[in-house]
Amino acid sequence: MAKINLSITHDLGREEALQRLQNESDMLKRTFGDSVSDLKENWNESTLDFSLVAYGMSVSGDVMVDATEVVTNIKLPLAAMMFKGTIENKVRERLKQLLT
């Protein structure tokens, strides 16, 4: 299993950052478009646990929101290793857009 770990800093405060991420409940679907199916998202206070299928591969992870940082951990199957950089860049850019 391959992992992506991202940390995006922000100056919005925890509540505003959390609100923006919760309002963008289909962030992953918007980021990867029609290639995503079976998207499941579960918010528990300030942590989002998610899973999805992209290009036939199961992906899961979490997003943790605090006052100055959003930390994202994504677990990819080994078959997705060659796409790791692309996935990481797309998720990073989308998070930056949401938190700016």
PDB file of N, CA and C in Angstrom:
ATOM      1  N   MET A   1       0.844  -1.174   0.000  1.00  0.00           N
ATOM      2  CA  MET A   1       0.000   0.000   0.000  1.00  0.00           C
ATOM      3  C   MET A   1       0.889   1.236   0.000  1.00  0.00           C
ATOM      4  N   ALA A   2       0.622   2.157  -0.906  1.00  0.00           N
ATOM      5  CA  ALA A   2       1.335   3.434  -0.978  1.00  0.00           C
ATOM      6  C   ALA A   2       0.563   4.483  -0.187  1.00  0.00           C
ATOM      7  N   LYS A   3       1.277   5.482   0.331  1.00  0.00           N
ATOM      8  CA  LYS A   3       0.622   6.516   1.122  1.00  0.00           C
ATOM      9  C   LYS A   3       1.009   7.895   0.619  1.00  0.00           C
ATOM     10  N   ILE A   4       0.050   8.803   0.718  1.00  0.00           N
ATOM     11  CA  ILE A   4       0.290  10.215   0.467  1.00  0.00           C
ATOM     12  C   ILE A   4      -0.059  10.940   1.760  1.00  0.00           C
ATOM     13  N   ASN A   5       0.847  11.768   2.236  1.00  0.00           N
ATOM     14  CA  ASN A   5       0.611  12.563   3.434  1.00  0.00           C
ATOM     15  C   ASN A   5       0.842  14.025   3.072  1.00  0.00           C
ATOM     16  N   LEU A   6      -0.203  14.824   3.193  1.00  0.00           N
ATOM     17  CA  LEU A   6      -0.125  16.243   2.864  1.00  0.00           C
ATOM     18  C   LEU A   6      -0.451  17.080   4.082  1.00  0.00           C
ATOM     19  N   SER A   7       0.211  18.206   4.203  1.00  0.00           N
ATOM     20  CA  SER A   7      -0.095  19.168   5.247  1.00  0.00           C
ATOM     21  C   SER A   7      -0.192  20.537   4.590  1.00  0.00           C
ATOM     22  N   ILE A   8      -1.359  21.153   4.687  1.00  0.00           N
ATOM     23  CA  ILE A   8      -1.598  22.464   4.104  1.00  0.00           C
ATOM     24  C   ILE A   8      -1.876  23.437   5.240  1.00  0.00           C
ATOM     25  N   THR A   9      -1.065  24.480   5.345  1.00  0.00           N
ATOM     26  CA  THR A   9      -1.299  25.482   6.380  1.00  0.00           C
ATOM     27  C   THR A   9      -2.304  26.518   5.880  1.00  0.00           C
ATOM     28  N   HIS A  10      -2.996  27.128   6.825  1.00  0.00           N
ATOM     29  CA  HIS A  10      -3.981  28.154   6.495  1.00  0.00           C
ATOM     30  C   HIS A  10      -4.078  29.120   7.663  1.00  0.00           C
ATOM     31  N   ASP A  11      -4.720  30.253   7.426  1.00  0.00           N
ATOM     32  CA  ASP A  11      -4.920  31.220   8.506  1.00  0.00           C
ATOM     33  C   ASP A  11      -6.407  31.523   8.701  1.00  0.00           C
ATOM     34  N   LEU A  12      -7.247  30.555   8.409  1.00  0.00           N
ATOM     35  CA  LEU A  12      -8.701  30.720   8.495  1.00  0.00           C
ATOM     36  C   LEU A  12      -9.257  30.443   9.889  1.00  0.00           C
ATOM     37  N   GLY A  13      -8.519  29.752  10.699  1.00  0.00           N
ATOM     38  CA  GLY A  13      -9.059  29.255  11.957  1.00  0.00           C
ATOM     39  C   GLY A  13      -9.730  27.913  11.709  1.00  0.00           C
ATOM     40  N   ARG A  14      -9.849  27.137  12.766  1.00  0.00           N
ATOM     41  CA  ARG A  14     -10.388  25.771  12.641  1.00  0.00           C
ATOM     42  C   ARG A  14     -11.816  25.758  12.106  1.00  0.00           C
ATOM     43  N   GLU A  15     -12.684  26.589  12.672  1.00  0.00           N
ATOM     44  CA  GLU A  15     -14.104  26.535  12.298  1.00  0.00           C
ATOM     45  C   GLU A  15     -14.330  26.908  10.834  1.00  0.00           C
ATOM     46  N   GLU A  16     -13.668  27.967  10.361  1.00  0.00           N
ATOM     47  CA  GLU A  16     -13.851  28.382   8.961  1.00  0.00           C
ATOM     48  C   GLU A  16     -13.294  27.331   8.004  1.00  0.00           C
ATOM     49  N   ALA A  17     -12.111  26.806   8.309  1.00  0.00           N
ATOM     50  CA  ALA A  17     -11.523  25.763   7.454  1.00  0.00           C
ATOM     51  C   ALA A  17     -12.422  24.535   7.415  1.00  0.00           C
ATOM     52  N   LEU A  18     -12.928  24.154   8.580  1.00  0.00           N
ATOM     53  CA  LEU A  18     -13.819  23.002   8.667  1.00  0.00           C
ATOM     54  C   LEU A  18     -15.094  23.247   7.859  1.00  0.00           C
ATOM     55  N   GLN A  19     -15.663  24.429   8.001  1.00  0.00           N
ATOM     56  CA  GLN A  19     -16.881  24.777   7.261  1.00  0.00           C
ATOM     57  C   GLN A  19     -16.654  24.687   5.752  1.00  0.00           C
ATOM     58  N   ARG A  20     -15.535  25.224   5.288  1.00  0.00           N
ATOM     59  CA  ARG A  20     -15.247  25.186   3.851  1.00  0.00           C
ATOM     60  C   ARG A  20     -15.099  23.760   3.341  1.00  0.00           C
ATOM     61  N   LEU A  21     -14.426  22.933   4.109  1.00  0.00           N
ATOM     62  CA  LEU A  21     -14.248  21.541   3.691  1.00  0.00           C
ATOM     63  C   LEU A  21     -15.558  20.769   3.750  1.00  0.00           C
ATOM     64  N   GLN A  22     -16.360  21.004   4.772  1.00  0.00           N
ATOM     65  CA  GLN A  22     -17.648  20.313   4.873  1.00  0.00           C
ATOM     66  C   GLN A  22     -18.603  20.769   3.780  1.00  0.00           C
ATOM     67  N   ASN A  23     -18.558  22.048   3.420  1.00  0.00           N
ATOM     68  CA  ASN A  23     -19.402  22.553   2.330  1.00  0.00           C
ATOM     69  C   ASN A  23     -18.982  21.972   0.985  1.00  0.00           C
ATOM     70  N   GLU A  24     -17.745  21.597   0.888  1.00  0.00           N
ATOM     71  CA  GLU A  24     -17.216  21.004  -0.343  1.00  0.00           C
ATOM     72  C   GLU A  24     -17.225  19.486  -0.160  1.00  0.00           C
ATOM     73  N   SER A  25     -18.375  18.952   0.209  1.00  0.00           N
ATOM     74  CA  SER A  25     -18.460  17.542   0.570  1.00  0.00           C
ATOM     75  C   SER A  25     -18.080  16.602  -0.560  1.00  0.00           C
ATOM     76  N   ASP A  26     -18.173  17.091  -1.773  1.00  0.00           N
ATOM     77  CA  ASP A  26     -17.773  16.237  -2.892  1.00  0.00           C
ATOM     78  C   ASP A  26     -16.446  16.703  -3.484  1.00  0.00           C
ATOM     79  N   MET A  27     -15.542  17.194  -2.618  1.00  0.00           N
ATOM     80  CA  MET A  27     -14.243  17.691  -3.051  1.00  0.00           C
ATOM     81  C   MET A  27     -13.488  16.663  -3.883  1.00  0.00           C
ATOM     82  N   LEU A  28     -13.477  15.431  -3.425  1.00  0.00           N
ATOM     83  CA  LEU A  28     -12.733  14.408  -4.150  1.00  0.00           C
ATOM     84  C   LEU A  28     -13.364  14.132  -5.508  1.00  0.00           C
ATOM     85  N   LYS A  29     -14.680  14.144  -5.560  1.00  0.00           N
ATOM     86  CA  LYS A  29     -15.359  13.911  -6.839  1.00  0.00           C
ATOM     87  C   LYS A  29     -15.080  15.067  -7.796  1.00  0.00           C
ATOM     88  N   ARG A  30     -15.091  16.293  -7.278  1.00  0.00           N
ATOM     89  CA  ARG A  30     -14.786  17.453  -8.128  1.00  0.00           C
ATOM     90  C   ARG A  30     -13.335  17.434  -8.589  1.00  0.00           C
ATOM     91  N   THR A  31     -12.447  16.957  -7.738  1.00  0.00           N
ATOM     92  CA  THR A  31     -11.027  16.932  -8.067  1.00  0.00           C
ATOM     93  C   THR A  31     -10.730  15.910  -9.158  1.00  0.00           C
ATOM     94  N   PHE A  32     -11.379  14.751  -9.082  1.00  0.00           N
ATOM     95  CA  PHE A  32     -11.053  13.675 -10.016  1.00  0.00           C
ATOM     96  C   PHE A  32     -12.153  13.361 -11.015  1.00  0.00           C
ATOM     97  N   GLY A  33     -13.256  14.073 -10.951  1.00  0.00           N
ATOM     98  CA  GLY A  33     -14.302  13.972 -11.963  1.00  0.00           C
ATOM     99  C   GLY A  33     -14.986  12.623 -12.014  1.00  0.00           C
ATOM    100  N   ASP A  34     -15.349  12.225 -13.214  1.00  0.00           N
ATOM    101  CA  ASP A  34     -16.134  11.015 -13.434  1.00  0.00           C
ATOM    102  C   ASP A  34     -15.376   9.721 -13.162  1.00  0.00           C
ATOM    103  N   SER A  35     -14.074   9.826 -12.896  1.00  0.00           N
ATOM    104  CA  SER A  35     -13.305   8.608 -12.631  1.00  0.00           C
ATOM    105  C   SER A  35     -13.536   8.080 -11.220  1.00  0.00           C
ATOM    106  N   VAL A  36     -14.302   8.824 -10.395  1.00  0.00           N
ATOM    107  CA  VAL A  36     -14.563   8.440  -9.002  1.00  0.00           C
ATOM    108  C   VAL A  36     -15.961   7.852  -8.873  1.00  0.00           C
ATOM    109  N   SER A  37     -16.056   6.733  -8.154  1.00  0.00           N
ATOM    110  CA  SER A  37     -17.358   6.138  -7.835  1.00  0.00           C
ATOM    111  C   SER A  37     -17.316   5.631  -6.402  1.00  0.00           C
ATOM    112  N   ASP A  38     -18.451   5.206  -5.903  1.00  0.00           N
ATOM    113  CA  ASP A  38     -18.559   4.641  -4.554  1.00  0.00           C
ATOM    114  C   ASP A  38     -17.926   5.526  -3.486  1.00  0.00           C
ATOM    115  N   LEU A  39     -18.110   6.834  -3.606  1.00  0.00           N
ATOM    116  CA  LEU A  39     -17.548   7.777  -2.647  1.00  0.00           C
ATOM    117  C   LEU A  39     -18.317   7.706  -1.337  1.00  0.00           C
ATOM    118  N   LYS A  40     -17.588   7.472  -0.252  1.00  0.00           N
ATOM    119  CA  LYS A  40     -18.176   7.447   1.087  1.00  0.00           C
ATOM    120  C   LYS A  40     -17.394   8.431   1.938  1.00  0.00           C
ATOM    121  N   GLU A  41     -18.119   9.331   2.616  1.00  0.00           N
ATOM    122  CA  GLU A  41     -17.503  10.323   3.474  1.00  0.00           C
ATOM    123  C   GLU A  41     -18.198  10.313   4.828  1.00  0.00           C
ATOM    124  N   ASN A  42     -17.406  10.367   5.893  1.00  0.00           N
ATOM    125  CA  ASN A  42     -17.969  10.387   7.242  1.00  0.00           C
ATOM    126  C   ASN A  42     -17.186  11.394   8.080  1.00  0.00           C
ATOM    127  N   TRP A  43     -17.874  12.485   8.470  1.00  0.00           N
ATOM    128  CA  TRP A  43     -17.264  13.483   9.341  1.00  0.00           C
ATOM    129  C   TRP A  43     -17.475  13.082  10.796  1.00  0.00           C
ATOM    130  N   ASN A  44     -16.422  13.119  11.573  1.00  0.00           N
ATOM    131  CA  ASN A  44     -16.477  12.915  13.014  1.00  0.00           C
ATOM    132  C   ASN A  44     -15.757  14.105  13.640  1.00  0.00           C
ATOM    133  N   GLU A  45     -16.545  15.092  14.067  1.00  0.00           N
ATOM    134  CA  GLU A  45     -16.027  16.367  14.562  1.00  0.00           C
ATOM    135  C   GLU A  45     -15.173  17.016  13.471  1.00  0.00           C
ATOM    136  N   SER A  46     -13.864  17.101  13.636  1.00  0.00           N
ATOM    137  CA  SER A  46     -13.035  17.790  12.656  1.00  0.00           C
ATOM    138  C   SER A  46     -12.210  16.837  11.792  1.00  0.00           C
ATOM    139  N   THR A  47     -12.624  15.582  11.730  1.00  0.00           N
ATOM    140  CA  THR A  47     -11.919  14.592  10.916  1.00  0.00           C
ATOM    141  C   THR A  47     -12.877  13.949   9.930  1.00  0.00           C
ATOM    142  N   LEU A  48     -12.461  13.919   8.684  1.00  0.00           N
ATOM    143  CA  LEU A  48     -13.210  13.255   7.616  1.00  0.00           C
ATOM    144  C   LEU A  48     -12.527  11.939   7.292  1.00  0.00           C
ATOM    145  N   ASP A  49     -13.261  10.857   7.373  1.00  0.00           N
ATOM    146  CA  ASP A  49     -12.784   9.562   6.879  1.00  0.00           C
ATOM    147  C   ASP A  49     -13.478   9.332   5.552  1.00  0.00           C
ATOM    148  N   PHE A  50     -12.730   8.887   4.546  1.00  0.00           N
ATOM    149  CA  PHE A  50     -13.321   8.695   3.232  1.00  0.00           C
ATOM    150  C   PHE A  50     -12.796   7.434   2.566  1.00  0.00           C
ATOM    151  N   SER A  51     -13.574   6.964   1.617  1.00  0.00           N
ATOM    152  CA  SER A  51     -13.139   5.882   0.739  1.00  0.00           C
ATOM    153  C   SER A  51     -13.826   6.096  -0.595  1.00  0.00           C
ATOM    154  N   LEU A  52     -13.201   5.590  -1.647  1.00  0.00           N
ATOM    155  CA  LEU A  52     -13.746   5.737  -2.990  1.00  0.00           C
ATOM    156  C   LEU A  52     -13.082   4.723  -3.907  1.00  0.00           C
ATOM    157  N   VAL A  53     -13.632   4.602  -5.082  1.00  0.00           N
ATOM    158  CA  VAL A  53     -13.027   3.793  -6.129  1.00  0.00           C
ATOM    159  C   VAL A  53     -12.700   4.741  -7.271  1.00  0.00           C
ATOM    160  N   ALA A  54     -11.449   4.749  -7.700  1.00  0.00           N
ATOM    161  CA  ALA A  54     -11.009   5.591  -8.810  1.00  0.00           C
ATOM    162  C   ALA A  54     -10.285   4.706  -9.813  1.00  0.00           C
ATOM    163  N   TYR A  55     -10.747   4.753 -11.039  1.00  0.00           N
ATOM    164  CA  TYR A  55     -10.167   3.917 -12.097  1.00  0.00           C
ATOM    165  C   TYR A  55     -10.105   2.450 -11.688  1.00  0.00           C
ATOM    166  N   GLY A  56     -11.120   2.005 -10.953  1.00  0.00           N
ATOM    167  CA  GLY A  56     -11.213   0.619 -10.540  1.00  0.00           C
ATOM    168  C   GLY A  56     -10.366   0.256  -9.333  1.00  0.00           C
ATOM    169  N   MET A  57      -9.716   1.247  -8.704  1.00  0.00           N
ATOM    170  CA  MET A  57      -8.853   0.977  -7.553  1.00  0.00           C
ATOM    171  C   MET A  57      -9.442   1.616  -6.295  1.00  0.00           C
ATOM    172  N   SER A  58      -9.413   0.879  -5.190  1.00  0.00           N
ATOM    173  CA  SER A  58      -9.924   1.388  -3.918  1.00  0.00           C
ATOM    174  C   SER A  58      -8.909   2.306  -3.255  1.00  0.00           C
ATOM    175  N   VAL A  59      -9.398   3.462  -2.843  1.00  0.00           N
ATOM    176  CA  VAL A  59      -8.578   4.468  -2.181  1.00  0.00           C
ATOM    177  C   VAL A  59      -9.294   4.859  -0.891  1.00  0.00           C
ATOM    178  N   SER A  60      -8.534   5.106   0.171  1.00  0.00           N
ATOM    179  CA  SER A  60      -9.143   5.541   1.428  1.00  0.00           C
ATOM    180  C   SER A  60      -8.199   6.516   2.123  1.00  0.00           C
ATOM    181  N   GLY A  61      -8.737   7.162   3.150  1.00  0.00           N
ATOM    182  CA  GLY A  61      -7.887   8.070   3.902  1.00  0.00           C
ATOM    183  C   GLY A  61      -8.676   8.927   4.859  1.00  0.00           C
ATOM    184  N   ASP A  62      -8.010   9.972   5.341  1.00  0.00           N
ATOM    185  CA  ASP A  62      -8.658  10.894   6.261  1.00  0.00           C
ATOM    186  C   ASP A  62      -8.122  12.304   6.040  1.00  0.00           C
ATOM    187  N   VAL A  63      -8.915  13.263   6.498  1.00  0.00           N
ATOM    188  CA  VAL A  63      -8.557  14.676   6.458  1.00  0.00           C
ATOM    189  C   VAL A  63      -8.821  15.218   7.855  1.00  0.00           C
ATOM    190  N   MET A  64      -7.789  15.759   8.499  1.00  0.00           N
ATOM    191  CA  MET A  64      -7.917  16.306   9.845  1.00  0.00           C
ATOM    192  C   MET A  64      -7.719  17.812   9.790  1.00  0.00           C
ATOM    193  N   VAL A  65      -8.656  18.538  10.382  1.00  0.00           N
ATOM    194  CA  VAL A  65      -8.656  19.997  10.333  1.00  0.00           C
ATOM    195  C   VAL A  65      -8.343  20.556  11.717  1.00  0.00           C
ATOM    196  N   ASP A  66      -7.368  21.472  11.783  1.00  0.00           N
ATOM    197  CA  ASP A  66      -7.156  22.201  13.026  1.00  0.00           C
ATOM    198  C   ASP A  66      -7.045  23.692  12.729  1.00  0.00           C
ATOM    199  N   ALA A  67      -6.682  24.486  13.703  1.00  0.00           N
ATOM    200  CA  ALA A  67      -6.735  25.948  13.590  1.00  0.00           C
ATOM    201  C   ALA A  67      -5.814  26.529  12.529  1.00  0.00           C
ATOM    202  N   THR A  68      -4.714  25.857  12.226  1.00  0.00           N
ATOM    203  CA  THR A  68      -3.742  26.417  11.283  1.00  0.00           C
ATOM    204  C   THR A  68      -3.304  25.451  10.191  1.00  0.00           C
ATOM    205  N   GLU A  69      -3.852  24.237  10.193  1.00  0.00           N
ATOM    206  CA  GLU A  69      -3.354  23.214   9.280  1.00  0.00           C
ATOM    207  C   GLU A  69      -4.441  22.191   8.953  1.00  0.00           C
ATOM    208  N   VAL A  70      -4.393  21.699   7.725  1.00  0.00           N
ATOM    209  CA  VAL A  70      -5.225  20.568   7.315  1.00  0.00           C
ATOM    210  C   VAL A  70      -4.267  19.455   6.911  1.00  0.00           C
ATOM    211  N   VAL A  71      -4.395  18.315   7.549  1.00  0.00           N
ATOM    212  CA  VAL A  71      -3.527  17.168   7.281  1.00  0.00           C
ATOM    213  C   VAL A  71      -4.354  16.098   6.584  1.00  0.00           C
ATOM    214  N   THR A  72      -3.855  15.647   5.452  1.00  0.00           N
ATOM    215  CA  THR A  72      -4.540  14.638   4.652  1.00  0.00           C
ATOM    216  C   THR A  72      -3.656  13.412   4.507  1.00  0.00           C
ATOM    217  N   ASN A  73      -4.215  12.256   4.764  1.00  0.00           N
ATOM    218  CA  ASN A  73      -3.525  10.980   4.605  1.00  0.00           C
ATOM    219  C   ASN A  73      -4.343  10.135   3.639  1.00  0.00           C
ATOM    220  N   ILE A  74      -3.711   9.686   2.576  1.00  0.00           N
ATOM    221  CA  ILE A  74      -4.401   8.901   1.557  1.00  0.00           C
ATOM    222  C   ILE A  74      -3.669   7.585   1.384  1.00  0.00           C
ATOM    223  N   LYS A  75      -4.422   6.490   1.382  1.00  0.00           N
ATOM    224  CA  LYS A  75      -3.854   5.161   1.155  1.00  0.00           C
ATOM    225  C   LYS A  75      -4.228   4.712  -0.252  1.00  0.00           C
ATOM    226  N   LEU A  76      -3.214   4.406  -1.045  1.00  0.00           N
ATOM    227  CA  LEU A  76      -3.412   3.974  -2.425  1.00  0.00           C
ATOM    228  C   LEU A  76      -2.965   2.527  -2.584  1.00  0.00           C
ATOM    229  N   PRO A  77      -3.622   1.784  -3.455  1.00  0.00           N
ATOM    230  CA  PRO A  77      -3.112   0.443  -3.755  1.00  0.00           C
ATOM    231  C   PRO A  77      -1.793   0.557  -4.523  1.00  0.00           C
ATOM    232  N   LEU A  78      -0.974  -0.450  -4.441  1.00  0.00           N
ATOM    233  CA  LEU A  78       0.313  -0.418  -5.146  1.00  0.00           C
ATOM    234  C   LEU A  78       0.142  -0.188  -6.644  1.00  0.00           C
ATOM    235  N   ALA A  79      -0.958  -0.645  -7.191  1.00  0.00           N
ATOM    236  CA  ALA A  79      -1.204  -0.454  -8.620  1.00  0.00           C
ATOM    237  C   ALA A  79      -1.332   1.021  -8.992  1.00  0.00           C
ATOM    238  N   ALA A  80      -1.573   1.877  -8.012  1.00  0.00           N
ATOM    239  CA  ALA A  80      -1.729   3.313  -8.265  1.00  0.00           C
ATOM    240  C   ALA A  80      -0.432   4.094  -8.045  1.00  0.00           C
ATOM    241  N   MET A  81       0.644   3.415  -7.718  1.00  0.00           N
ATOM    242  CA  MET A  81       1.913   4.093  -7.429  1.00  0.00           C
ATOM    243  C   MET A  81       2.349   5.030  -8.549  1.00  0.00           C
ATOM    244  N   MET A  82       2.158   4.636  -9.776  1.00  0.00           N
ATOM    245  CA  MET A  82       2.619   5.486 -10.878  1.00  0.00           C
ATOM    246  C   MET A  82       1.806   6.775 -10.991  1.00  0.00           C
ATOM    247  N   PHE A  83       0.658   6.842 -10.327  1.00  0.00           N
ATOM    248  CA  PHE A  83      -0.175   8.044 -10.340  1.00  0.00           C
ATOM    249  C   PHE A  83      -0.041   8.861  -9.055  1.00  0.00           C
ATOM    250  N   LYS A  84       0.802   8.417  -8.142  1.00  0.00           N
ATOM    251  CA  LYS A  84       0.920   9.050  -6.830  1.00  0.00           C
ATOM    252  C   LYS A  84       1.207  10.554  -6.947  1.00  0.00           C
ATOM    253  N   GLY A  85       2.153  10.942  -7.764  1.00  0.00           N
ATOM    254  CA  GLY A  85       2.506  12.351  -7.917  1.00  0.00           C
ATOM    255  C   GLY A  85       1.352  13.177  -8.449  1.00  0.00           C
ATOM    256  N   THR A  86       0.650  12.658  -9.438  1.00  0.00           N
ATOM    257  CA  THR A  86      -0.491  13.365 -10.016  1.00  0.00           C
ATOM    258  C   THR A  86      -1.605  13.525  -8.992  1.00  0.00           C
ATOM    259  N   ILE A  87      -1.904  12.464  -8.271  1.00  0.00           N
ATOM    260  CA  ILE A  87      -2.951  12.508  -7.245  1.00  0.00           C
ATOM    261  C   ILE A  87      -2.566  13.512  -6.164  1.00  0.00           C
ATOM    262  N   GLU A  88      -1.347  13.434  -5.697  1.00  0.00           N
ATOM    263  CA  GLU A  88      -0.878  14.339  -4.646  1.00  0.00           C
ATOM    264  C   GLU A  88      -0.990  15.799  -5.095  1.00  0.00           C
ATOM    265  N   ASN A  89      -0.569  16.098  -6.303  1.00  0.00           N
ATOM    266  CA  ASN A  89      -0.639  17.470  -6.808  1.00  0.00           C
ATOM    267  C   ASN A  89      -2.075  17.968  -6.932  1.00  0.00           C
ATOM    268  N   LYS A  90      -2.970  17.129  -7.426  1.00  0.00           N
ATOM    269  CA  LYS A  90      -4.368  17.540  -7.580  1.00  0.00           C
ATOM    270  C   LYS A  90      -5.031  17.802  -6.233  1.00  0.00           C
ATOM    271  N   VAL A  91      -4.794  16.919  -5.271  1.00  0.00           N
ATOM    272  CA  VAL A  91      -5.385  17.100  -3.947  1.00  0.00           C
ATOM    273  C   VAL A  91      -4.794  18.341  -3.284  1.00  0.00           C
ATOM    274  N   ARG A  92      -3.490  18.535  -3.384  1.00  0.00           N
ATOM    275  CA  ARG A  92      -2.839  19.709  -2.789  1.00  0.00           C
ATOM    276  C   ARG A  92      -3.423  21.000  -3.372  1.00  0.00           C
ATOM    277  N   GLU A  93      -3.547  21.065  -4.701  1.00  0.00           N
ATOM    278  CA  GLU A  93      -4.070  22.267  -5.345  1.00  0.00           C
ATOM    279  C   GLU A  93      -5.518  22.539  -4.948  1.00  0.00           C
ATOM    280  N   ARG A  94      -6.347  21.498  -4.874  1.00  0.00           N
ATOM    281  CA  ARG A  94      -7.749  21.690  -4.500  1.00  0.00           C
ATOM    282  C   ARG A  94      -7.861  22.179  -3.057  1.00  0.00           C
ATOM    283  N   LEU A  95      -7.064  21.604  -2.160  1.00  0.00           N
ATOM    284  CA  LEU A  95      -7.084  22.048  -0.763  1.00  0.00           C
ATOM    285  C   LEU A  95      -6.634  23.500  -0.655  1.00  0.00           C
ATOM    286  N   LYS A  96      -5.594  23.859  -1.387  1.00  0.00           N
ATOM    287  CA  LYS A  96      -5.130  25.258  -1.362  1.00  0.00           C
ATOM    288  C   LYS A  96      -6.217  26.195  -1.845  1.00  0.00           C
ATOM    289  N   GLN A  97      -6.943  25.813  -2.893  1.00  0.00           N
ATOM    290  CA  GLN A  97      -8.039  26.645  -3.397  1.00  0.00           C
ATOM    291  C   GLN A  97      -9.107  26.835  -2.319  1.00  0.00           C
ATOM    292  N   LEU A  98      -9.448  25.773  -1.645  1.00  0.00           N
ATOM    293  CA  LEU A  98     -10.494  25.841  -0.619  1.00  0.00           C
ATOM    294  C   LEU A  98     -10.079  26.632   0.612  1.00  0.00           C
ATOM    295  N   LEU A  99      -8.794  26.615   0.914  1.00  0.00           N
ATOM    296  CA  LEU A  99      -8.319  27.225   2.160  1.00  0.00           C
ATOM    297  C   LEU A  99      -7.716  28.611   1.962  1.00  0.00           C
ATOM    298  N   THR A 100      -7.840  29.161   0.774  1.00  0.00           N
ATOM    299  CA  THR A 100      -7.301  30.494   0.497  1.00  0.00           C
ATOM    300  C   THR A 100      -8.395  31.524   0.582  1.00  0.00           C
TER     301      THR A 100
END
